[in-house]
C-alpha atoms as a PDB file:
ATOM      1  CA  MET A   1       0.000   0.000   0.000  1.00  0.00           C
ATOM      2  CA  ARG A   2       1.015   3.637  -0.361  1.00  0.00           C
ATOM      3  CA  VAL A   3       2.014   5.710   2.662  1.00  0.00           C
ATOM      4  CA  ALA A   4       3.295   9.247   3.130  1.00  0.00           C
ATOM      5  CA  THR A   5       6.431   8.973   5.245  1.00  0.00           C
ATOM      6  CA  TYR A   6       7.518  11.997   7.262  1.00  0.00           C
ATOM      7  CA  TYR A   7      11.218  12.910   7.437  1.00  0.00           C
ATOM      8  CA  ASN A   8      10.726  16.626   8.138  1.00  0.00           C
ATOM      9  CA  ASN A   9       8.241  19.330   7.171  1.00  0.00           C
ATOM     10  CA  ASN A  10       9.891  19.766   3.790  1.00  0.00           C
ATOM     11  CA  ASP A  11      10.519  16.072   3.150  1.00  0.00           C
ATOM     12  CA  VAL A  12       7.407  13.913   3.101  1.00  0.00           C
ATOM     13  CA  ARG A  13       7.809  10.976   0.720  1.00  0.00           C
ATOM     14  CA  LEU A  14       5.279   8.748  -0.985  1.00  0.00           C
ATOM     15  CA  GLU A  15       6.494   5.227  -0.252  1.00  0.00           C
ATOM     16  CA  GLU A  16       5.315   1.624  -0.314  1.00  0.00           C
ATOM     17  CA  MET A  17       4.624  -0.506   2.761  1.00  0.00           C
ATOM     18  CA  PRO A  18       2.924  -3.900   3.207  1.00  0.00           C
ATOM     19  CA  VAL A  19      -0.773  -3.766   4.029  1.00  0.00           C
ATOM     20  CA  PRO A  20      -0.920  -4.393   7.790  1.00  0.00           C
ATOM     21  CA  ARG A  21      -2.120  -7.849   8.819  1.00  0.00           C
ATOM     22  CA  ILE A  22      -4.567  -8.058  11.693  1.00  0.00           C
ATOM     23  CA  GLY A  23      -4.901 -10.481  14.580  1.00  0.00           C
ATOM     24  CA  ARG A  24      -7.569 -11.468  17.050  1.00  0.00           C
ATOM     25  CA  GLY A  25      -9.750  -8.599  18.210  1.00  0.00           C
ATOM     26  CA  GLU A  26      -8.289  -6.199  15.654  1.00  0.00           C
ATOM     27  CA  LEU A  27      -9.599  -4.275  12.647  1.00  0.00           C
ATOM     28  CA  ARG A  28      -8.222  -3.255   9.298  1.00  0.00           C
ATOM     29  CA  VAL A  29      -9.597   0.110   8.234  1.00  0.00           C
ATOM     30  CA  LYS A  30      -9.391   1.745   4.837  1.00  0.00           C
ATOM     31  CA  VAL A  31      -8.509   5.369   5.542  1.00  0.00           C
ATOM     32  CA  ILE A  32     -10.817   7.764   3.708  1.00  0.00           C
ATOM     33  CA  ALA A  33      -9.820  11.056   5.342  1.00  0.00           C
ATOM     34  CA  SER A  34      -6.913  12.073   7.572  1.00  0.00           C
ATOM     35  CA  GLY A  35      -6.408  15.594   8.879  1.00  0.00           C
ATOM     36  CA  ILE A  36      -3.037  17.260   9.281  1.00  0.00           C
ATOM     37  CA  CYS A  37      -2.797  18.451  12.883  1.00  0.00           C
ATOM     38  CA  GLY A  38      -0.767  21.460  13.961  1.00  0.00           C
ATOM     39  CA  SER A  39       1.238  19.082  16.155  1.00  0.00           C
ATOM     40  CA  ASP A  40       2.240  17.113  13.050  1.00  0.00           C
ATOM     41  CA  VAL A  41       4.374  20.050  11.863  1.00  0.00           C
ATOM     42  CA  LEU A  42       6.169  20.636  15.187  1.00  0.00           C
ATOM     43  CA  GLU A  43       9.623  19.592  14.004  1.00  0.00           C
ATOM     44  CA  TRP A  44      11.145  19.684  17.486  1.00  0.00           C
ATOM     45  CA  TYR A  45       8.664  16.938  18.381  1.00  0.00           C
ATOM     46  CA  ARG A  46       8.394  14.930  15.159  1.00  0.00           C
ATOM     47  CA  SER A  47      11.856  14.978  13.585  1.00  0.00           C
ATOM     48  CA  LYS A  48      13.523  13.035  16.393  1.00  0.00           C
ATOM     49  CA  LYS A  49      11.157  10.130  15.694  1.00  0.00           C
ATOM     50  CA  ALA A  50      11.456  10.277  11.896  1.00  0.00           C
ATOM     51  CA  PRO A  51      11.059   8.567   9.554  1.00  0.00           C
ATOM     52  CA  LEU A  52       7.492   7.600  10.416  1.00  0.00           C
ATOM     53  CA  VAL A  53       3.951   7.687   9.091  1.00  0.00           C
ATOM     54  CA  LEU A  54       1.975  10.346  10.926  1.00  0.00           C
ATOM     55  CA  GLY A  55      -1.737  11.087  10.914  1.00  0.00           C
ATOM     56  CA  HIS A  56      -4.028  10.660  13.928  1.00  0.00           C
ATOM     57  CA  GLU A  57      -7.235  12.452  12.885  1.00  0.00           C
ATOM     58  CA  ILE A  58      -8.770   9.725  10.765  1.00  0.00           C
ATOM     59  CA  THR A  59     -12.043   8.368   9.494  1.00  0.00           C
ATOM     60  CA  GLY A  60     -12.497   5.355   7.291  1.00  0.00           C
ATOM     61  CA  GLU A  61     -14.289   2.155   6.463  1.00  0.00           C
ATOM     62  CA  ILE A  62     -13.742  -1.230   8.086  1.00  0.00           C
ATOM     63  CA  VAL A  63     -12.584  -3.754   5.492  1.00  0.00           C
ATOM     64  CA  GLU A  64     -11.660  -6.702   7.734  1.00  0.00           C
ATOM     65  CA  ILE A  65     -12.435  -7.784  11.294  1.00  0.00           C
ATOM     66  CA  GLY A  66     -10.345 -10.084  13.440  1.00  0.00           C
ATOM     67  CA  GLU A  67     -11.579 -13.149  15.266  1.00  0.00           C
ATOM     68  CA  GLY A  68     -13.730 -12.238  18.249  1.00  0.00           C
ATOM     69  CA  VAL A  69     -14.819  -8.806  17.015  1.00  0.00           C
ATOM     70  CA  GLU A  70     -18.595  -8.609  17.382  1.00  0.00           C
ATOM     71  CA  LYS A  71     -19.385  -4.914  17.689  1.00  0.00           C
ATOM     72  CA  TYR A  72     -18.256  -3.969  14.172  1.00  0.00           C
ATOM     73  CA  LYS A  73     -18.525  -5.390  10.678  1.00  0.00           C
ATOM     74  CA  PRO A  74     -16.948  -4.758   7.268  1.00  0.00           C
ATOM     75  CA  GLY A  75     -18.444  -1.691   5.638  1.00  0.00           C
ATOM     76  CA  ASP A  76     -18.948   0.226   8.892  1.00  0.00           C
ATOM     77  CA  ARG A  77     -17.962   3.893   8.720  1.00  0.00           C
ATOM     78  CA  VAL A  78     -15.785   4.714  11.728  1.00  0.00           C
ATOM     79  CA  PHE A  79     -13.689   7.262  13.539  1.00  0.00           C
ATOM     80  CA  VAL A  80     -10.694   5.679  15.274  1.00  0.00           C
ATOM     81  CA  SER A  81      -8.850   7.296  18.175  1.00  0.00           C
ATOM     82  CA  HIS A  82      -5.113   6.702  18.217  1.00  0.00           C
ATOM     83  CA  HIS A  83      -4.745   7.271  21.980  1.00  0.00           C
ATOM     84  CA  VAL A  84      -6.913   5.294  24.406  1.00  0.00           C
ATOM     85  CA  PRO A  85      -6.790   5.017  28.209  1.00  0.00           C
ATOM     86  CA  CYS A  86      -6.709   1.806  30.247  1.00  0.00           C
ATOM     87  CA  ASN A  87      -9.681   2.943  32.404  1.00  0.00           C
ATOM     88  CA  THR A  88      -8.283   1.050  35.411  1.00  0.00           C
ATOM     89  CA  CYS A  89      -5.190   2.926  36.658  1.00  0.00           C
ATOM     90  CA  ARG A  90      -5.215   5.541  39.415  1.00  0.00           C
ATOM     91  CA  TYR A  91      -5.182   8.328  36.829  1.00  0.00           C
ATOM     92  CA  CYS A  92      -8.192   7.035  34.896  1.00  0.00           C
ATOM     93  CA  LEU A  93     -10.145   6.269  38.066  1.00  0.00           C
ATOM     94  CA  SER A  94      -9.664   9.875  39.203  1.00  0.00           C
ATOM     95  CA  GLY A  95     -10.826  11.252  35.844  1.00  0.00           C
ATOM     96  CA  ASN A  96      -7.336  12.063  34.555  1.00  0.00           C
ATOM     97  CA  HIS A  97      -7.515   9.718  31.558  1.00  0.00           C
ATOM     98  CA  THR A  98      -5.146  11.771  29.420  1.00  0.00           C
ATOM     99  CA  VAL A  99      -2.152  11.229  31.712  1.00  0.00           C
ATOM    100  CA  CYS A 100      -2.659   7.458  31.667  1.00  0.00           C
ATOM    101  CA  ASP A 101       0.456   5.522  30.628  1.00  0.00           C
ATOM    102  CA  THR A 102      -1.619   3.395  28.243  1.00  0.00           C
ATOM    103  CA  LEU A 103      -3.054   6.452  26.521  1.00  0.00           C
ATOM    104  CA  ARG A 104       0.438   7.827  26.021  1.00  0.00           C
ATOM    105  CA  SER A 105       1.651   4.619  24.388  1.00  0.00           C
ATOM    106  CA  ALA A 106      -1.389   3.379  22.430  1.00  0.00           C
ATOM    107  CA  ASN A 107      -1.557   4.027  18.687  1.00  0.00           C
ATOM    108  CA  PHE A 108      -2.705   2.473  15.441  1.00  0.00           C
ATOM    109  CA  ASP A 109      -0.441   1.003  12.782  1.00  0.00           C
ATOM    110  CA  PRO A 110       1.153   2.672  10.884  1.00  0.00           C
ATOM    111  CA  GLY A 111      -0.535   6.101  10.870  1.00  0.00           C
ATOM    112  CA  GLY A 112      -3.361   7.930   9.144  1.00  0.00           C
ATOM    113  CA  PHE A 113      -1.385   9.058   6.095  1.00  0.00           C
ATOM    114  CA  ALA A 114      -1.684   5.571   4.644  1.00  0.00           C
ATOM    115  CA  GLU A 115      -4.215   3.668   2.591  1.00  0.00           C
ATOM    116  CA  TYR A 116      -4.929   1.217   5.437  1.00  0.00           C
ATOM    117  CA  ILE A 117      -4.331   0.999   9.175  1.00  0.00           C
ATOM    118  CA  ARG A 118      -4.384  -1.828  11.694  1.00  0.00           C
ATOM    119  CA  VAL A 119      -6.428  -0.994  14.774  1.00  0.00           C
ATOM    120  CA  PRO A 120      -5.098  -2.842  17.865  1.00  0.00           C
ATOM    121  CA  GLN A 121      -7.533  -4.636  20.143  1.00  0.00           C
ATOM    122  CA  ILE A 122      -7.459  -1.990  22.867  1.00  0.00           C
ATOM    123  CA  ASN A 123      -8.235   0.733  20.318  1.00  0.00           C
ATOM    124  CA  VAL A 124     -11.073  -1.384  18.956  1.00  0.00           C
ATOM    125  CA  ASP A 125     -12.456  -1.774  22.473  1.00  0.00           C
ATOM    126  CA  ARG A 126     -12.394   1.872  23.579  1.00  0.00           C
ATOM    127  CA  GLY A 127     -11.293   4.029  20.671  1.00  0.00           C
ATOM    128  CA  THR A 128     -13.448   3.045  17.697  1.00  0.00           C
ATOM    129  CA  PHE A 129     -16.707   4.922  17.143  1.00  0.00           C
ATOM    130  CA  LEU A 130     -19.330   4.448  14.451  1.00  0.00           C
ATOM    131  CA  LEU A 131     -19.595   7.560  12.318  1.00  0.00           C
ATOM    132  CA  PRO A 132     -23.199   8.837  12.307  1.00  0.00           C
ATOM    133  CA  ASP A 133     -24.905   9.259   8.948  1.00  0.00           C
ATOM    134  CA  GLY A 134     -24.978  13.026   9.482  1.00  0.00           C
ATOM    135  CA  ILE A 135     -21.171  13.288   9.556  1.00  0.00           C
ATOM    136  CA  THR A 136     -19.107  12.972   6.386  1.00  0.00           C
ATOM    137  CA  PHE A 137     -15.675  11.358   6.403  1.00  0.00           C
ATOM    138  CA  ALA A 138     -14.080  14.802   5.975  1.00  0.00           C
ATOM    139  CA  GLU A 139     -16.069  16.310   8.844  1.00  0.00           C
ATOM    140  CA  GLY A 140     -15.142  13.336  11.026  1.00  0.00           C
ATOM    141  CA  VAL A 141     -11.454  14.278  11.093  1.00  0.00           C
ATOM    142  CA  PHE A 142     -12.448  17.113  13.447  1.00  0.00           C
ATOM    143  CA  ILE A 143     -13.656  14.670  16.103  1.00  0.00           C
ATOM    144  CA  GLU A 144     -10.214  14.225  17.678  1.00  0.00           C
ATOM    145  CA  PRO A 145      -9.237  17.928  17.840  1.00  0.00           C
ATOM    146  CA  LEU A 146     -12.705  18.906  19.041  1.00  0.00           C
ATOM    147  CA  ALA A 147     -12.539  16.286  21.796  1.00  0.00           C
ATOM    148  CA  CYS A 148      -9.320  17.935  23.005  1.00  0.00           C
ATOM    149  CA  VAL A 149     -11.081  21.304  23.019  1.00  0.00           C
ATOM    150  CA  VAL A 150     -14.058  19.882  24.919  1.00  0.00           C
ATOM    151  CA  ARG A 151     -11.753  18.565  27.623  1.00  0.00           C
ATOM    152  CA  GLY A 152      -9.869  21.858  27.787  1.00  0.00           C
ATOM    153  CA  GLN A 153     -12.957  23.968  28.398  1.00  0.00           C
ATOM    154  CA  GLN A 154     -14.207  21.508  30.998  1.00  0.00           C
ATOM    155  CA  LYS A 155     -10.894  21.823  32.850  1.00  0.00           C
ATOM    156  CA  ALA A 156     -11.097  25.611  32.599  1.00  0.00           C
ATOM    157  CA  ARG A 157     -14.636  25.492  34.041  1.00  0.00           C
ATOM    158  CA  LEU A 158     -15.939  27.961  31.497  1.00  0.00           C
ATOM    159  CA  LYS A 159     -19.249  29.504  32.574  1.00  0.00           C
ATOM    160  CA  ALA A 160     -22.008  31.395  30.818  1.00  0.00           C
ATOM    161  CA  GLY A 161     -21.424  35.133  30.743  1.00  0.00           C
ATOM    162  CA  GLN A 162     -17.643  34.971  31.014  1.00  0.00           C
ATOM    163  CA  SER A 163     -15.427  36.752  28.526  1.00  0.00           C
ATOM    164  CA  VAL A 164     -12.971  34.657  26.541  1.00  0.00           C
ATOM    165  CA  LEU A 165      -9.699  35.587  24.855  1.00  0.00           C
ATOM    166  CA  VAL A 166      -8.243  33.077  22.391  1.00  0.00           C
ATOM    167  CA  ILE A 167      -4.569  33.623  21.618  1.00  0.00           C
ATOM    168  CA  GLY A 168      -3.770  31.840  18.354  1.00  0.00           C
ATOM    169  CA  SER A 169      -6.591  31.541  15.828  1.00  0.00           C
ATOM    170  CA  GLY A 170      -5.767  28.354  13.972  1.00  0.00           C
ATOM    171  CA  ILE A 171      -7.958  25.248  13.987  1.00  0.00           C
ATOM    172  CA  SER A 172      -7.829  24.819  17.772  1.00  0.00           C
ATOM    173  CA  GLY A 173      -8.564  28.475  18.347  1.00  0.00           C
ATOM    174  CA  ILE A 174     -11.567  28.429  16.017  1.00  0.00           C
ATOM    175  CA  LEU A 175     -12.924  25.284  17.654  1.00  0.00           C
ATOM    176  CA  HIS A 176     -12.511  26.912  21.082  1.00  0.00           C
ATOM    177  CA  ILE A 177     -14.403  29.979  19.875  1.00  0.00           C
ATOM    178  CA  GLN A 178     -17.270  27.922  18.505  1.00  0.00           C
ATOM    179  CA  LEU A 179     -17.494  25.687  21.572  1.00  0.00           C
ATOM    180  CA  ALA A 180     -17.429  28.697  23.893  1.00  0.00           C
ATOM    181  CA  ARG A 181     -20.397  30.074  21.969  1.00  0.00           C
ATOM    182  CA  THR A 182     -22.426  26.975  22.885  1.00  0.00           C
ATOM    183  CA  THR A 183     -21.863  27.860  26.565  1.00  0.00           C
ATOM    184  CA  MET A 184     -23.530  31.261  26.040  1.00  0.00           C
ATOM    185  CA  VAL A 185     -20.412  33.105  27.118  1.00  0.00           C
ATOM    186  CA  GLY A 186     -20.004  36.846  27.017  1.00  0.00           C
ATOM    187  CA  ARG A 187     -17.650  38.577  24.631  1.00  0.00           C
ATOM    188  CA  VAL A 188     -15.254  36.372  22.634  1.00  0.00           C
ATOM    189  CA  ILE A 189     -12.025  37.999  21.460  1.00  0.00           C
ATOM    190  CA  ALA A 190      -9.460  36.386  19.173  1.00  0.00           C
ATOM    191  CA  THR A 191      -5.892  37.341  18.353  1.00  0.00           C
ATOM    192  CA  ASP A 192      -3.288  36.108  15.892  1.00  0.00           C
ATOM    193  CA  ILE A 193      -0.343  37.324  13.824  1.00  0.00           C
ATOM    194  CA  SER A 194      -2.104  36.307  10.580  1.00  0.00           C
ATOM    195  CA  ASP A 195      -4.651  38.622   8.948  1.00  0.00           C
ATOM    196  CA  TYR A 196      -6.011  35.601   7.050  1.00  0.00           C
ATOM    197  CA  ARG A 197      -6.833  33.821  10.286  1.00  0.00           C
ATOM    198  CA  LEU A 198      -8.254  36.920  11.922  1.00  0.00           C
ATOM    199  CA  GLU A 199     -10.654  37.316   9.018  1.00  0.00           C
ATOM    200  CA  ALA A 200     -11.580  33.639   9.342  1.00  0.00           C
ATOM    201  CA  VAL A 201     -12.365  33.711  13.066  1.00  0.00           C
ATOM    202  CA  GLU A 202     -14.852  36.515  12.530  1.00  0.00           C
ATOM    203  CA  ARG A 203     -16.857  34.099  10.376  1.00  0.00           C
ATOM    204  CA  PHE A 204     -16.780  31.503  13.142  1.00  0.00           C
ATOM    205  CA  GLY A 205     -18.076  33.568  16.024  1.00  0.00           C
ATOM    206  CA  ALA A 206     -15.408  35.932  17.366  1.00  0.00           C
ATOM    207  CA  ASP A 207     -16.922  39.258  18.447  1.00  0.00           C
ATOM    208  CA  VAL A 208     -13.629  41.107  18.211  1.00  0.00           C
ATOM    209  CA  THR A 209     -10.262  40.391  16.586  1.00  0.00           C
ATOM    210  CA  ILE A 210      -6.992  42.009  17.601  1.00  0.00           C
ATOM    211  CA  HIS A 211      -3.693  41.659  15.795  1.00  0.00           C
ATOM    212  CA  ALA A 212      -1.129  40.077  18.120  1.00  0.00           C
ATOM    213  CA  GLU A 213       1.347  42.912  17.558  1.00  0.00           C
ATOM    214  CA  GLU A 214      -1.000  45.488  19.087  1.00  0.00           C
ATOM    215  CA  ASP A 215      -1.076  46.448  22.773  1.00  0.00           C
ATOM    216  CA  LEU A 216      -3.275  43.518  23.623  1.00  0.00           C
ATOM    217  CA  PRO A 217      -4.185  44.342  27.257  1.00  0.00           C
ATOM    218  CA  ALA A 218      -5.108  47.913  26.333  1.00  0.00           C
ATOM    219  CA  ARG A 219      -7.139  46.874  23.294  1.00  0.00           C
ATOM    220  CA  LEU A 220      -8.807  44.138  25.322  1.00  0.00           C
ATOM    221  CA  ARG A 221     -10.001  46.643  27.933  1.00  0.00           C
ATOM    222  CA  GLN A 222     -11.323  48.889  25.165  1.00  0.00           C
ATOM    223  CA  MET A 223     -13.344  46.045  23.670  1.00  0.00           C
ATOM    224  CA  ASN A 224     -14.436  44.388  26.913  1.00  0.00           C
ATOM    225  CA  ASP A 225     -16.033  47.148  28.972  1.00  0.00           C
ATOM    226  CA  GLY A 226     -12.805  48.010  30.727  1.00  0.00           C
ATOM    227  CA  TYR A 227     -12.001  44.471  31.828  1.00  0.00           C
ATOM    228  CA  LEU A 228      -9.448  41.863  30.880  1.00  0.00           C
ATOM    229  CA  ALA A 229     -10.589  38.313  29.982  1.00  0.00           C
ATOM    230  CA  ASP A 230     -12.137  35.851  32.436  1.00  0.00           C
ATOM    231  CA  LEU A 231     -10.640  32.979  30.462  1.00  0.00           C
ATOM    232  CA  VAL A 232      -7.522  33.174  28.302  1.00  0.00           C
ATOM    233  CA  ILE A 233      -6.939  30.157  26.049  1.00  0.00           C
ATOM    234  CA  VAL A 234      -3.406  29.882  24.703  1.00  0.00           C
ATOM    235  CA  CYS A 235      -3.475  28.003  21.390  1.00  0.00           C
ATOM    236  CA  THR A 236       0.151  28.589  20.450  1.00  0.00           C
ATOM    237  CA  GLY A 237       3.379  27.606  22.162  1.00  0.00           C
ATOM    238  CA  ALA A 238       5.102  30.910  21.370  1.00  0.00           C
ATOM    239  CA  ALA A 239       6.716  32.534  24.399  1.00  0.00           C
ATOM    240  CA  GLN A 240       5.199  35.891  23.426  1.00  0.00           C
ATOM    241  CA  ALA A 241       1.726  34.356  23.636  1.00  0.00           C
ATOM    242  CA  ILE A 242       2.400  33.097  27.150  1.00  0.00           C
ATOM    243  CA  SER A 243       3.534  36.564  28.174  1.00  0.00           C
ATOM    244  CA  GLN A 244       0.412  38.111  26.649  1.00  0.00           C
ATOM    245  CA  ALA A 245      -1.807  35.632  28.481  1.00  0.00           C
ATOM    246  CA  MET A 246      -0.309  36.659  31.792  1.00  0.00           C
ATOM    247  CA  GLN A 247      -1.067  40.294  31.028  1.00  0.00           C
ATOM    248  CA  CYS A 248      -4.609  39.703  29.789  1.00  0.00           C
ATOM    249  CA  VAL A 249      -6.311  37.610  32.463  1.00  0.00           C
ATOM    250  CA  GLU A 250      -8.809  39.333  34.764  1.00  0.00           C
ATOM    251  CA  ARG A 251      -8.780  38.996  38.548  1.00  0.00           C
ATOM    252  CA  GLY A 252     -10.349  35.666  39.480  1.00  0.00           C
ATOM    253  CA  GLY A 253      -9.776  34.440  35.929  1.00  0.00           C
ATOM    254  CA  THR A 254      -8.166  31.384  34.366  1.00  0.00           C
ATOM    255  CA  ILE A 255      -5.425  30.760  31.818  1.00  0.00           C
ATOM    256  CA  LEU A 256      -5.730  27.519  29.867  1.00  0.00           C
ATOM    257  CA  PHE A 257      -2.499  26.377  28.221  1.00  0.00           C
ATOM    258  CA  PHE A 258      -3.761  24.364  25.265  1.00  0.00           C
ATOM    259  CA  ALA A 259      -0.866  24.230  22.786  1.00  0.00           C
ATOM    260  CA  PRO A 260       2.276  22.233  23.624  1.00  0.00           C
ATOM    261  CA  PRO A 261       5.328  24.335  24.522  1.00  0.00           C
ATOM    262  CA  VAL A 262       8.835  23.402  23.431  1.00  0.00           C
ATOM    263  CA  PRO A 263      10.381  21.130  26.111  1.00  0.00           C
ATOM    264  CA  GLY A 264      12.671  23.037  28.420  1.00  0.00           C
ATOM    265  CA  THR A 265      10.712  26.277  28.036  1.00  0.00           C
ATOM    266  CA  THR A 266      10.639  28.293  31.244  1.00  0.00           C
ATOM    267  CA  PHE A 267       8.814  31.483  32.083  1.00  0.00           C
ATOM    268  CA  PRO A 268       9.243  33.955  34.963  1.00  0.00           C
ATOM    269  CA  LEU A 269       6.115  34.114  37.110  1.00  0.00           C
ATOM    270  CA  GLN A 270       5.214  36.814  39.601  1.00  0.00           C
ATOM    271  CA  LEU A 271       3.672  34.471  42.145  1.00  0.00           C
ATOM    272  CA  TYR A 272       2.409  37.240  44.389  1.00  0.00           C
ATOM    273  CA  ASP A 273       0.307  38.737  41.603  1.00  0.00           C
ATOM    274  CA  PHE A 274      -1.331  35.378  40.883  1.00  0.00           C
ATOM    275  CA  TRP A 275      -1.908  34.692  44.546  1.00  0.00           C
ATOM    276  CA  HIS A 276      -3.267  38.173  45.200  1.00  0.00           C
ATOM    277  CA  ASP A 277      -5.511  38.290  42.112  1.00  0.00           C
ATOM    278  CA  GLY A 278      -6.821  34.740  42.389  1.00  0.00           C
ATOM    279  CA  ILE A 279      -5.572  33.580  38.994  1.00  0.00           C
ATOM    280  CA  THR A 280      -5.851  29.909  38.038  1.00  0.00           C
ATOM    281  CA  LEU A 281      -3.371  28.282  35.654  1.00  0.00           C
ATOM    282  CA  THR A 282      -4.404  25.015  34.049  1.00  0.00           C
ATOM    283  CA  ASN A 283      -3.509  22.934  31.024  1.00  0.00           C
ATOM    284  CA  THR A 284      -4.921  20.156  28.897  1.00  0.00           C
ATOM    285  CA  TYR A 285      -3.720  17.353  26.667  1.00  0.00           C
ATOM    286  CA  ALA A 286      -5.677  14.990  24.411  1.00  0.00           C
ATOM    287  CA  GLY A 287      -9.243  13.815  25.001  1.00  0.00           C
ATOM    288  CA  SER A 288     -10.946  10.886  26.730  1.00  0.00           C
ATOM    289  CA  PRO A 289     -13.528   8.527  25.182  1.00  0.00           C
ATOM    290  CA  ASP A 290     -16.287  10.595  26.811  1.00  0.00           C
ATOM    291  CA  ASP A 291     -14.866  13.753  25.236  1.00  0.00           C
ATOM    292  CA  ILE A 292     -14.857  12.009  21.852  1.00  0.00           C
ATOM    293  CA  ALA A 293     -18.502  11.022  22.262  1.00  0.00           C
ATOM    294  CA  THR A 294     -19.363  14.635  23.083  1.00  0.00           C
ATOM    295  CA  ALA A 295     -17.431  15.884  20.045  1.00  0.00           C
ATOM    296  CA  ILE A 296     -19.312  13.498  17.769  1.00  0.00           C
ATOM    297  CA  GLU A 297     -22.649  14.803  19.038  1.00  0.00           C
ATOM    298  CA  LEU A 298     -21.596  18.433  18.605  1.00  0.00           C
ATOM    299  CA  ILE A 299     -20.586  17.825  14.992  1.00  0.00           C
ATOM    300  CA  ARG A 300     -23.619  15.685  14.191  1.00  0.00           C
ATOM    301  CA  ASP A 301     -25.989  18.291  15.620  1.00  0.00           C
ATOM    302  CA  LYS A 302     -24.202  21.070  13.671  1.00  0.00           C
ATOM    303  CA  SER A 303     -23.525  22.895  16.945  1.00  0.00           C
ATOM    304  CA  ILE A 304     -19.967  23.245  15.667  1.00  0.00           C
ATOM    305  CA  ASN A 305     -19.448  24.213  12.025  1.00  0.00           C
ATOM    306  CA  VAL A 306     -16.511  22.156  10.839  1.00  0.00           C
ATOM    307  CA  ARG A 307     -17.367  21.859   7.157  1.00  0.00           C
ATOM    308  CA  ASP A 308     -16.498  25.482   6.406  1.00  0.00           C
ATOM    309  CA  MET A 309     -13.145  25.132   8.151  1.00  0.00           C
ATOM    310  CA  ILE A 310     -11.886  22.777   5.434  1.00  0.00           C
ATOM    311  CA  THR A 311      -9.731  24.718   2.969  1.00  0.00           C
ATOM    312  CA  HIS A 312      -7.767  21.931   1.258  1.00  0.00           C
ATOM    313  CA  ARG A 313      -8.485  18.301   0.363  1.00  0.00           C
ATOM    314  CA  LEU A 314      -5.434  16.589  -1.136  1.00  0.00           C
ATOM    315  CA  GLY A 315      -4.496  13.138  -2.349  1.00  0.00           C
ATOM    316  CA  LEU A 316      -1.885  11.027  -0.584  1.00  0.00           C
ATOM    317  CA  ALA A 317       0.794  12.005  -3.108  1.00  0.00           C
ATOM    318  CA  GLU A 318       0.222  15.655  -2.133  1.00  0.00           C
ATOM    319  CA  THR A 319       0.803  15.123   1.605  1.00  0.00           C
ATOM    320  CA  GLY A 320       4.092  17.039   1.404  1.00  0.00           C
ATOM    321  CA  LEU A 321       2.240  20.065   0.041  1.00  0.00           C
ATOM    322  CA  GLY A 322      -0.252  19.716   2.863  1.00  0.00           C
ATOM    323  CA  PHE A 323       2.507  19.795   5.465  1.00  0.00           C
ATOM    324  CA  GLN A 324       3.949  22.937   3.931  1.00  0.00           C
ATOM    325  CA  LEU A 325       0.540  24.638   3.957  1.00  0.00           C
ATOM    326  CA  VAL A 326       0.018  23.826   7.630  1.00  0.00           C
ATOM    327  CA  ALA A 327       3.591  24.722   8.632  1.00  0.00           C
ATOM    328  CA  ARG A 328       3.367  28.124   6.957  1.00  0.00           C
ATOM    329  CA  ALA A 329       0.069  28.842   8.732  1.00  0.00           C
ATOM    330  CA  GLN A 330      -0.846  31.546   6.254  1.00  0.00           C
ATOM    331  CA  ASN A 331      -3.532  30.722   3.718  1.00  0.00           C
ATOM    332  CA  SER A 332      -5.084  27.537   5.037  1.00  0.00           C
ATOM    333  CA  LEU A 333      -7.241  26.343   7.886  1.00  0.00           C
ATOM    334  CA  LYS A 334      -7.922  22.606   7.815  1.00  0.00           C
ATOM    335  CA  VAL A 335      -5.908  20.510   5.360  1.00  0.00           C
ATOM    336  CA  ILE A 336      -7.226  16.985   4.822  1.00  0.00           C
ATOM    337  CA  ILE A 337      -5.445  14.111   3.098  1.00  0.00           C
ATOM    338  CA  GLU A 338      -7.601  11.571   1.268  1.00  0.00           C
ATOM    339  CA  PRO A 339      -5.406   8.439   0.910  1.00  0.00           C
ATOM    340  CA  GLN A 340      -7.672   6.659  -1.574  1.00  0.00           C
ATOM    341  CA  ARG A 341      -7.119   9.384  -4.205  1.00  0.00           C
END
């Protein structure tokens, strides 16, 4: 079968690999759509593991079931989660599924930028979801990123009436804006360094957009009745964004660190100010099976508009172009690879 093998952002090669063979309790899935995630183009994270086949936002069709599989059948349309928790460790039992050791090691074989994947038994058991008729394969690639967003806003304890500032208006930022809208929040403000993205977020529910190079705290007060933001969601790992978040959170507010920072990154923190002003710092990573189920319902019910976020649909041979589009972060939102093309 054909796969797109990642060496670096500028070197993604169309190669051949044997179709994965499945065992007891496993599935073979024909990949129909696979989204390129912003994390896929983080070279500090991906290059050290290269070469490898990436792609974890996938939908497809089951073509073969292993012995003992009863819940699924060939022809079923599915979303498959690459990371799944054990549901039995101390972390899972306390609701912290996304720090589970099993979740951090589970994956499918080889990756979503391939014509077929093997779904291990544990992923079949707790990471495979039937795709509702109301969700297309392309729309289904948003299930995984939206599940991460759902978990993030739950951790941030977002409430109706609160103001929200989203720093970084890529796919995650837009999903955060749309999900916040379902909570009936107050004013939603978005910022980015890209005019293209700022124009896009206005279409997806942002009340106000501010270019990241402006005096963000001052502009925020102008647009938010004299106040800073009750919740600041940081959707970029840039150090400048972290600094801006610290300056833009209102007393009693929360900062949610959503995007992964570069390992080793440190930041000076005025602890007295956070203690005195009652600021909460929290973070999030990945999504649990319950978060995935919620994301599926939100997309099926059209509570979240994902269809209009798709800007590029490319064949497997064009995966390298897709990586360049996402890495440049200029004139694209969601780039989807369709391996059967």
